[in-house]
Amino acid sequence: MGFGCLLLGDTEEAFACFSRVRVANPDLPRAYVGAAVSLALSGDVPAARPVAADRLEPSRFRPRDPPGC
């Protein structure tokens, strides 16, 4: 829904959607990217940078070993 709001130009609603997703599933990288894009498109680039960097560090998304290995 957040990306749909972005396509419609409603950056405030898009940021709200992505913020809810970040709370519900903090391991979903696209929620952070969407929130950062929403902020950047609304003109708040300084606020977008830490949102994107918050969880997008490469070490955070290493493949996990399957259970039992």
Protein backbone atom coordinates (compact mmCIF):
# COMPACT_ATOMS: atom_id res chain seq x y z
CA MET A 1 0.00 0.00 0.00
CA GLY A 2 2.91 2.34 0.73
CA PHE A 3 4.30 2.06 -2.79
CA GLY A 4 0.81 2.68 -4.17
CA CYS A 5 0.61 5.88 -2.16
CA LEU A 6 4.01 6.90 -3.54
CA LEU A 7 2.79 6.31 -7.10
CA LEU A 8 -0.23 8.50 -6.37
CA GLY A 9 2.02 11.22 -4.96
CA ASP A 10 0.80 10.98 -1.36
CA THR A 11 4.16 10.91 0.39
CA GLU A 12 2.75 11.53 3.87
CA GLU A 13 0.42 8.53 3.70
CA ALA A 14 3.18 6.43 2.14
CA PHE A 15 5.52 7.28 5.02
CA ALA A 16 2.77 6.39 7.51
CA CYS A 17 2.25 3.01 5.81
CA PHE A 18 5.96 2.21 5.74
CA SER A 19 6.32 3.29 9.37
CA ARG A 20 3.60 0.84 10.40
CA VAL A 21 5.36 -1.93 8.46
CA ARG A 22 8.68 -1.10 10.14
CA VAL A 23 7.06 -1.56 13.54
CA ALA A 24 5.27 -4.77 12.55
CA ASN A 25 8.25 -6.36 10.77
CA PRO A 26 11.58 -4.66 11.51
CA ASP A 27 13.48 -7.20 9.38
CA LEU A 28 11.80 -6.15 6.12
CA PRO A 29 14.31 -3.95 4.25
CA ARG A 30 11.80 -2.55 1.75
CA ALA A 31 9.91 -0.88 4.61
CA TYR A 32 13.01 1.17 5.42
CA VAL A 33 13.67 1.93 1.76
CA GLY A 34 10.05 2.98 1.26
CA ALA A 35 10.09 5.22 4.32
CA ALA A 36 13.33 6.83 3.19
CA VAL A 37 12.03 7.35 -0.35
CA SER A 38 8.82 8.86 1.03
CA LEU A 39 10.77 11.35 3.12
CA ALA A 40 13.15 12.19 0.28
CA LEU A 41 10.31 12.77 -2.19
CA SER A 42 8.60 15.06 0.29
CA GLY A 43 11.79 17.14 0.41
CA ASP A 44 13.20 15.98 3.74
CA VAL A 45 16.43 14.36 2.51
CA PRO A 46 18.32 14.88 5.81
CA ALA A 47 15.64 12.85 7.63
CA ALA A 48 15.63 10.17 4.91
CA ARG A 49 19.31 9.30 5.28
CA PRO A 50 19.22 7.89 8.82
CA VAL A 51 15.98 6.01 8.10
CA ALA A 52 17.64 4.24 5.18
CA ALA A 53 20.85 3.61 7.10
CA ASP A 54 19.00 2.37 10.18
CA ARG A 55 18.66 -1.22 8.98
CA LEU A 56 20.28 -1.35 5.59
CA GLU A 57 23.80 -2.19 6.69
CA PRO A 58 25.07 -5.26 4.80
CA SER A 59 25.89 -7.28 7.92
CA ARG A 60 22.24 -7.18 8.96
CA PHE A 61 21.08 -9.18 5.95
CA ARG A 62 23.45 -12.11 5.87
CA PRO A 63 21.83 -15.39 4.92
CA ARG A 64 20.75 -17.34 7.95
CA ASP A 65 21.48 -21.00 8.48
CA PRO A 66 18.35 -23.14 8.29
CA PRO A 67 17.18 -24.57 11.61
CA GLY A 68 18.96 -27.76 12.55
CA CYS A 69 22.23 -27.04 10.75
